[in-house]
Amino acid sequence: MAFLETLIRLFTEHGYIAVFVVLLMSGFGIPLPEDISLVAGGVIAGLGYADVHVMAVVGLAGVLIGDVVMFLTGRYFGNRVLRWRWVSYVLTPRRYAKVQHKYARYGSRLMFVARFLPGLRTAIYITAGMSRRVSFAQFLFFDGLAAAISVPFWVYLGYFGAENHQWLVAWVKRGESVVLVGALLLIGLVAWFWWRRKGRAHARLRALRAHRAKRQAQPHDPTH
């Protein structure tokens, strides 16, 4: 994968700042694949040119800041952004219609799913800001949750595959689906534990109320 090799050379020479800038540009809708950029950052960490944990943090910052800028651009400028040339390139009428369809299907949860839709990601964030149907807190929660899952995956994938690019490229090709399925399974597992814990808490509360009601219903003994 020639683009991956190009990014590895660029990041090796310029370090964290290059990774951050490329991810920021990707968030602005410039056709620079976010997943491959994160993998390249992980590769240079695996080759000893950076710390993998710091790289994950830098990657997370670059991804989230780019997303937030796009959301706030839509929020503060509204429909006027559709007249901007670079926005009209990212948010074509066809993409806009597709985003609206996905909003109708997923609601605010689309902010989470968008992380795994490279061709629509920037368009979704701009539209979310324009529509005002998603609060900034909701956007940050869902987008941050998705990024906290996907960014470390790509960075550590590059780190562990730094010496085996053939294996790495194979995983990059199937990675988006793997990350999405893994993220949904993780959220489902967390939701199940939360639901189970909440159910137990409600059961204890019902038992306590039943016990109190039973004691209050018992006749009072005047000799005591």
Protein backbone atom coordinates (compact mmCIF):
# COMPACT_ATOMS: atom_id res chain seq x y z
CA MET A 1 0.00 0.00 0.00
CA ALA A 2 1.90 2.98 -1.36
CA PHE A 3 -0.01 5.60 0.63
CA LEU A 4 0.78 3.83 3.90
CA GLU A 5 4.49 3.80 3.05
CA THR A 6 4.35 7.51 2.19
CA LEU A 7 2.74 8.34 5.52
CA ILE A 8 5.27 6.23 7.41
CA ARG A 9 8.11 8.20 5.86
CA LEU A 10 6.36 11.52 6.55
CA PHE A 11 5.61 10.64 10.17
CA THR A 12 9.10 9.27 10.75
CA GLU A 13 10.59 12.62 9.70
CA HIS A 14 8.12 14.94 11.45
CA GLY A 15 6.72 12.88 14.34
CA TYR A 16 3.58 13.62 16.32
CA ILE A 17 2.84 17.00 14.75
CA ALA A 18 2.59 15.42 11.27
CA VAL A 19 0.19 12.76 12.58
CA PHE A 20 -1.95 15.42 14.26
CA VAL A 21 -2.10 17.66 11.18
CA VAL A 22 -2.93 14.81 8.78
CA LEU A 23 -5.76 13.62 11.05
CA LEU A 24 -7.04 17.17 11.36
CA MET A 25 -7.07 17.52 7.57
CA SER A 26 -8.86 14.18 7.28
CA GLY A 27 -11.51 15.47 9.70
CA PHE A 28 -11.98 18.54 7.49
CA GLY A 29 -13.02 16.29 4.60
CA ILE A 30 -9.69 16.18 2.73
CA PRO A 31 -9.40 12.66 1.25
CA LEU A 32 -6.74 11.34 3.63
CA PRO A 33 -7.88 8.00 5.11
CA GLU A 34 -8.09 8.32 8.87
CA ASP A 35 -7.57 4.61 9.54
CA ILE A 36 -4.39 4.36 7.45
CA SER A 37 -3.05 7.57 9.02
CA LEU A 38 -3.53 6.12 12.51
CA VAL A 39 -1.97 2.83 11.45
CA ALA A 40 1.05 4.70 10.09
CA GLY A 41 1.39 6.49 13.42
CA GLY A 42 1.37 3.13 15.16
CA VAL A 43 3.98 1.76 12.75
CA ILE A 44 6.52 4.48 13.52
CA ALA A 45 5.93 3.81 17.22
CA GLY A 46 6.59 0.11 16.57
CA LEU A 47 9.80 1.02 14.77
CA GLY A 48 10.96 3.03 17.78
CA TYR A 49 10.42 6.57 16.48
CA ALA A 50 7.60 7.43 18.90
CA ASP A 51 5.84 6.22 22.04
CA VAL A 52 2.74 4.20 21.15
CA HIS A 53 0.70 5.46 24.13
CA VAL A 54 1.48 9.11 23.32
CA MET A 55 0.66 8.36 19.68
CA ALA A 56 -2.78 7.06 20.68
CA VAL A 57 -3.45 10.29 22.61
CA VAL A 58 -2.22 12.47 19.72
CA GLY A 59 -4.40 10.46 17.33
CA LEU A 60 -7.42 10.86 19.56
CA ALA A 61 -6.85 14.61 19.84
CA GLY A 62 -6.46 15.06 16.08
CA VAL A 63 -9.58 13.04 15.32
CA LEU A 64 -11.84 14.68 17.91
CA ILE A 65 -10.71 18.26 17.25
CA GLY A 66 -11.37 17.82 13.53
CA ASP A 67 -14.82 16.40 14.26
CA VAL A 68 -15.69 19.18 16.70
CA VAL A 69 -14.64 21.89 14.24
CA MET A 70 -16.91 20.38 11.58
CA PHE A 71 -19.85 20.11 13.97
CA LEU A 72 -19.44 23.68 15.25
CA THR A 73 -19.03 24.98 11.68
CA GLY A 74 -22.45 23.60 10.84
CA ARG A 75 -23.90 24.82 14.14
CA TYR A 76 -22.74 28.44 13.89
CA PHE A 77 -23.00 29.07 10.14
CA GLY A 78 -26.08 26.95 9.39
CA ASN A 79 -27.19 26.58 5.77
CA ARG A 80 -24.70 29.23 4.67
CA VAL A 81 -21.94 26.61 4.71
CA LEU A 82 -23.60 24.91 1.73
CA ARG A 83 -22.46 27.86 -0.38
CA TRP A 84 -18.82 27.33 0.58
CA ARG A 85 -16.92 25.56 -2.18
CA TRP A 86 -15.07 23.04 0.00
CA VAL A 87 -18.26 22.19 1.94
CA SER A 88 -20.22 21.69 -1.28
CA TYR A 89 -17.50 19.25 -2.32
CA VAL A 90 -17.78 17.29 0.94
CA LEU A 91 -21.54 17.67 1.37
CA THR A 92 -22.92 16.99 -2.11
CA PRO A 93 -26.74 16.88 -2.57
CA ARG A 94 -26.53 13.09 -2.83
CA ARG A 95 -24.57 12.78 0.41
CA TYR A 96 -26.87 15.26 2.12
CA ALA A 97 -29.91 13.14 1.18
CA LYS A 98 -28.14 9.98 2.38
CA VAL A 99 -27.23 11.63 5.71
CA GLN A 100 -30.85 12.73 6.22
CA HIS A 101 -32.00 9.15 5.62
CA LYS A 102 -29.53 7.85 8.19
CA TYR A 103 -30.64 10.49 10.72
CA ALA A 104 -34.22 9.28 10.35
CA ARG A 105 -33.01 5.74 11.06
CA TYR A 106 -30.47 6.23 13.86
CA GLY A 107 -31.19 9.63 15.43
CA SER A 108 -28.38 10.97 17.63
CA ARG A 109 -26.79 7.50 17.65
CA LEU A 110 -25.63 8.28 14.12
CA MET A 111 -22.79 10.27 15.75
CA PHE A 112 -21.40 6.94 16.94
CA VAL A 113 -21.95 5.08 13.67
CA ALA A 114 -20.39 7.94 11.66
CA ARG A 115 -16.93 7.04 12.95
CA PHE A 116 -17.15 3.87 10.83
CA LEU A 117 -18.50 5.55 7.67
CA PRO A 118 -15.41 7.18 6.10
CA GLY A 119 -17.18 8.55 3.03
CA LEU A 120 -19.94 10.21 5.04
CA ARG A 121 -18.25 11.10 8.32
CA THR A 122 -17.51 14.79 7.70
CA ALA A 123 -20.85 15.31 5.94
CA ILE A 124 -22.65 13.79 8.94
CA TYR A 125 -20.91 16.06 11.44
CA ILE A 126 -21.57 19.23 9.44
CA THR A 127 -25.21 18.25 8.94
CA ALA A 128 -25.59 17.43 12.65
CA GLY A 129 -24.46 20.93 13.52
CA MET A 130 -26.72 22.51 10.90
CA SER A 131 -29.82 20.57 11.92
CA ARG A 132 -29.51 21.38 15.66
CA ARG A 133 -31.22 18.05 16.34
CA VAL A 134 -28.11 16.88 18.18
CA SER A 135 -26.78 18.81 21.18
CA PHE A 136 -23.06 19.40 21.51
CA ALA A 137 -23.00 17.14 24.59
CA GLN A 138 -24.68 14.30 22.67
CA PHE A 139 -22.30 14.76 19.76
CA LEU A 140 -19.23 14.74 21.99
CA PHE A 141 -20.42 11.68 23.92
CA PHE A 142 -21.21 9.47 20.91
CA ASP A 143 -18.30 10.64 18.79
CA GLY A 144 -15.89 10.45 21.71
CA LEU A 145 -17.05 6.94 22.57
CA ALA A 146 -16.53 5.74 19.00
CA ALA A 147 -13.13 7.42 18.75
CA ALA A 148 -12.02 5.93 22.08
CA ILE A 149 -12.65 2.50 20.58
CA SER A 150 -11.44 2.96 16.99
CA VAL A 151 -8.35 5.16 17.43
CA PRO A 152 -6.45 2.86 19.83
CA PHE A 153 -7.36 -0.13 17.64
CA TRP A 154 -5.70 1.38 14.55
CA VAL A 155 -2.68 2.77 16.40
CA TYR A 156 -1.92 -0.49 18.22
CA LEU A 157 -2.59 -2.48 15.04
CA GLY A 158 0.15 -0.48 13.36
CA TYR A 159 2.40 -0.88 16.39
CA PHE A 160 2.15 -4.67 16.48
CA GLY A 161 2.34 -4.99 12.70
CA ALA A 162 5.23 -2.59 12.20
CA GLU A 163 7.58 -5.35 11.05
CA ASN A 164 5.03 -7.22 8.92
CA HIS A 165 3.41 -4.89 6.41
CA GLN A 166 1.76 -7.69 4.45
CA TRP A 167 -0.15 -8.82 7.55
CA LEU A 168 -0.86 -5.20 8.38
CA VAL A 169 -2.35 -4.35 4.98
CA ALA A 170 -4.60 -7.42 5.18
CA TRP A 171 -5.97 -6.24 8.52
CA VAL A 172 -6.39 -2.64 7.33
CA LYS A 173 -8.65 -3.88 4.53
CA ARG A 174 -10.96 -5.71 6.92
CA GLY A 175 -10.44 -3.39 9.88
CA GLU A 176 -13.48 -1.09 9.63
CA SER A 177 -15.91 -4.00 9.84
CA VAL A 178 -13.95 -5.62 12.67
CA VAL A 179 -13.86 -2.39 14.69
CA LEU A 180 -17.56 -1.70 14.18
CA VAL A 181 -18.60 -5.22 15.17
CA GLY A 182 -16.23 -5.16 18.14
CA ALA A 183 -17.51 -1.76 19.24
CA LEU A 184 -21.14 -2.88 19.06
CA LEU A 185 -20.33 -6.06 21.01
CA LEU A 186 -18.50 -4.05 23.66
CA ILE A 187 -21.36 -1.57 24.03
CA GLY A 188 -23.85 -4.44 24.15
CA LEU A 189 -21.82 -6.12 26.90
CA VAL A 190 -21.57 -2.91 28.92
CA ALA A 191 -25.30 -2.28 28.47
CA TRP A 192 -26.07 -5.84 29.63
CA PHE A 193 -23.97 -5.47 32.79
CA TRP A 194 -25.55 -2.08 33.49
CA TRP A 195 -29.07 -3.47 32.95
CA ARG A 196 -28.30 -6.47 35.16
CA ARG A 197 -26.86 -4.30 37.94
CA LYS A 198 -29.79 -1.92 37.72
CA GLY A 199 -32.21 -4.88 37.85
CA ARG A 200 -30.55 -6.19 41.00
CA ALA A 201 -30.69 -2.75 42.59
CA HIS A 202 -34.42 -2.49 41.80
CA ALA A 203 -34.99 -6.00 43.19
CA ARG A 204 -33.28 -5.06 46.48
CA LEU A 205 -35.31 -1.85 46.65
CA ARG A 206 -38.57 -3.76 46.08
CA ALA A 207 -37.61 -6.30 48.76
CA LEU A 208 -36.83 -3.50 51.22
CA ARG A 209 -40.16 -1.77 50.53
CA ALA A 210 -42.02 -5.06 50.91
CA HIS A 211 -40.29 -5.69 54.23
CA ARG A 212 -41.17 -2.22 55.51
CA ALA A 213 -44.79 -2.61 54.36
CA LYS A 214 -45.00 -5.98 56.12
CA ARG A 215 -43.70 -4.51 59.39
CA GLN A 216 -46.13 -1.58 59.21
CA ALA A 217 -49.01 -3.97 58.56
CA GLN A 218 -48.29 -6.04 61.69
CA PRO A 219 -50.64 -5.22 64.65
CA HIS A 220 -49.12 -3.09 67.39
CA ASP A 221 -48.60 -4.85 70.73
CA PRO A 222 -49.55 -2.39 73.54
CA THR A 223 -47.59 -4.38 76.16
CA HIS A 224 -44.32 -3.34 74.54
